[in-house]
Protein backbone atom coordinates (compact mmCIF):
# COMPACT_ATOMS: atom_id res chain seq x y z
CA MET A 1 96.25 109.76 101.75
CA SER A 2 93.72 107.95 103.56
CA HIS A 3 94.75 108.85 106.74
CA LYS A 4 92.85 111.57 109.43
CA ILE A 5 94.05 115.56 110.67
CA GLU A 6 92.93 115.40 113.59
CA HIS A 7 93.06 119.48 116.27
CA SER A 8 92.20 119.25 119.80
CA GLY A 9 90.28 122.96 120.28
CA VAL A 10 87.54 124.10 122.60
CA VAL A 11 84.03 125.10 121.14
CA ASP A 12 85.01 129.16 120.97
CA SER A 13 80.59 130.09 120.30
CA ILE A 14 77.93 128.15 118.43
CA GLU A 15 75.58 130.42 115.44
CA ASP A 16 73.25 128.93 113.74
CA GLY A 17 74.42 125.42 112.97
CA CYS A 18 78.61 127.00 112.32
CA VAL A 19 80.16 126.12 116.27
CA HIS A 20 84.09 128.16 115.93
CA VAL A 21 86.34 125.99 117.33
CA ARG A 22 89.69 127.58 118.83
CA ILE A 23 93.17 125.34 118.08
CA VAL A 24 96.22 125.81 118.83
CA GLN A 25 98.58 124.87 115.39
CA THR A 26 101.77 123.89 116.78
CA ALA A 27 104.75 124.20 114.85
CA ALA A 28 106.91 120.74 115.08
CA CYS A 29 109.57 122.31 116.41
CA ALA A 30 107.46 123.58 119.68
CA ALA A 31 108.06 120.35 121.72
CA CYS A 32 111.64 120.26 121.21
CA LYS A 33 113.71 120.67 124.40
CA VAL A 34 115.58 123.80 122.91
CA ALA A 35 112.07 125.09 121.86
CA GLY A 36 112.43 128.35 124.39
CA TYR A 37 116.05 129.29 123.24
CA CYS A 38 115.60 128.99 119.68
CA ASN A 39 113.09 131.29 117.18
CA ALA A 40 112.13 128.83 114.96
CA ALA A 41 109.56 127.35 117.51
CA GLU A 42 106.35 128.83 116.96
CA SER A 43 102.00 128.28 117.68
CA LYS A 44 98.86 129.99 116.43
CA GLU A 45 95.82 129.89 118.03
CA LYS A 46 93.40 129.97 114.60
CA ILE A 47 89.12 129.40 114.58
CA ILE A 48 87.96 126.28 112.44
CA ASP A 49 84.02 127.10 110.97
CA VAL A 50 82.91 123.80 111.05
CA TYR A 51 79.45 123.63 110.06
CA LEU A 52 77.04 120.50 111.98
CA THR A 53 72.95 120.66 111.39
CA ASP A 54 72.47 119.61 114.93
CA THR A 55 74.37 121.57 117.31
CA GLN A 56 72.02 120.83 120.74
CA GLN A 57 74.81 118.78 122.38
CA LEU A 58 77.49 121.51 122.00
CA HIS A 59 78.52 124.11 124.28
CA VAL A 60 81.11 126.86 124.66
CA GLY A 61 84.14 125.71 126.79
CA ASP A 62 83.60 122.18 124.86
CA PRO A 63 86.56 120.06 124.65
CA VAL A 64 86.51 118.99 121.25
CA THR A 65 88.36 117.09 118.28
CA VAL A 66 88.23 118.46 114.71
CA SER A 67 88.80 115.62 111.95
CA SER A 68 90.10 116.00 108.33
CA SER A 69 90.33 113.28 105.71
CA GLY A 70 93.82 113.35 104.40
CA ARG A 71 91.45 114.03 100.64
CA VAL A 72 90.50 116.95 101.90
CA ALA A 73 92.86 118.17 103.17
CA SER A 74 94.59 117.82 99.40
CA GLN A 75 91.19 119.15 97.56
CA ALA A 76 92.32 122.11 99.87
CA LEU A 77 96.07 123.00 99.78
CA LEU A 78 95.33 122.07 94.93
CA TRP A 79 92.29 124.77 95.12
CA ALA A 80 94.70 127.81 97.52
CA PHE A 81 97.92 126.64 95.73
CA GLY A 82 98.38 124.64 93.35
CA LEU A 83 95.97 125.64 90.80
CA PRO A 84 96.65 129.72 90.85
CA LEU A 85 100.48 128.79 90.82
CA LEU A 86 99.85 126.56 87.41
CA LEU A 87 97.70 129.33 86.57
CA MET A 88 100.23 132.02 86.75
CA LEU A 89 102.62 130.29 85.03
CA VAL A 90 99.99 129.65 82.20
CA VAL A 91 99.63 133.13 82.01
CA LEU A 92 103.55 133.69 81.82
CA VAL A 93 104.60 132.16 79.74
CA VAL A 94 101.91 133.06 77.13
CA LEU A 95 102.26 136.90 77.79
CA LEU A 96 105.63 136.20 77.12
CA GLN A 97 104.84 134.35 73.94
CA MET A 98 103.12 137.20 72.57
CA SER A 99 105.28 139.95 74.24
CA ALA A 100 109.57 140.19 74.36
CA ARG A 101 108.60 142.60 76.74
CA GLU A 102 109.09 140.49 80.32
CA GLU A 103 108.15 143.35 83.33
CA TRP A 104 104.30 143.18 81.85
CA ALA A 105 104.41 138.92 81.94
CA VAL A 106 105.19 139.63 85.42
CA LEU A 107 102.64 141.91 85.88
CA GLY A 108 99.93 139.84 84.39
CA ALA A 109 101.17 136.62 85.81
CA ILE A 110 100.33 137.95 89.11
CA ALA A 111 97.44 140.04 87.98
CA ILE A 112 95.63 136.95 87.40
CA LEU A 113 96.01 135.98 90.74
CA ALA A 114 93.32 138.82 91.29
CA PRO A 115 89.95 137.20 89.19
CA TYR A 116 91.32 133.74 90.51
CA TYR A 117 90.99 134.68 94.32
CA VAL A 118 87.34 136.63 93.58
CA GLY A 119 86.46 133.54 91.82
CA LEU A 120 87.18 131.73 94.93
CA TYR A 121 85.10 133.85 96.91
CA LEU A 122 82.36 133.90 94.93
CA PHE A 123 82.53 130.17 95.44
CA ARG A 124 82.33 129.57 98.87
CA ASP A 125 79.31 127.87 99.71
CA ARG A 126 79.86 125.05 96.53
CA LEU A 127 83.47 124.42 98.68
CA ARG A 128 82.09 124.41 102.17
CA GLU A 129 80.62 121.63 101.03
CA GLN A 130 83.68 120.10 99.26
CA LEU A 131 85.98 121.14 102.32
CA THR A 132 84.26 119.45 105.04
CA PHE A 133 85.16 119.09 108.50
CA SER A 134 83.89 116.82 111.20
CA LEU A 135 83.69 117.06 115.23
CA GLU A 136 83.74 114.92 117.62
CA LYS A 137 83.12 115.74 121.45
CA TYR A 138 85.59 114.18 124.73
């Protein structure tokens, strides 16, 4: 995955080296001609935080493009979904081997997610350095 992922947006606010960009994320079928009659078509507004050293040229309301590399997207998916799934499966198998009670094994596999996501929260600054967005002004 070496391609860039891009979204058009508008600068919502700027504070202390962080530019908050409002983007509209649409489902793939939102451009369909019958999307107005279908419940599957949806769009959501999201705020993306882009950390920059120089925010002098940007102003609230400026149209921008937020982009990221495919590698960054893959890493984010791994941290958010891949590793927790793997961790749950490992804990489930280990607890099933240690105990004959499936209920406890399932509860343990689900409970392991709490410390995992707390750990992600504690290391958010380090992850922010690895998972970066770039900003291009129109």
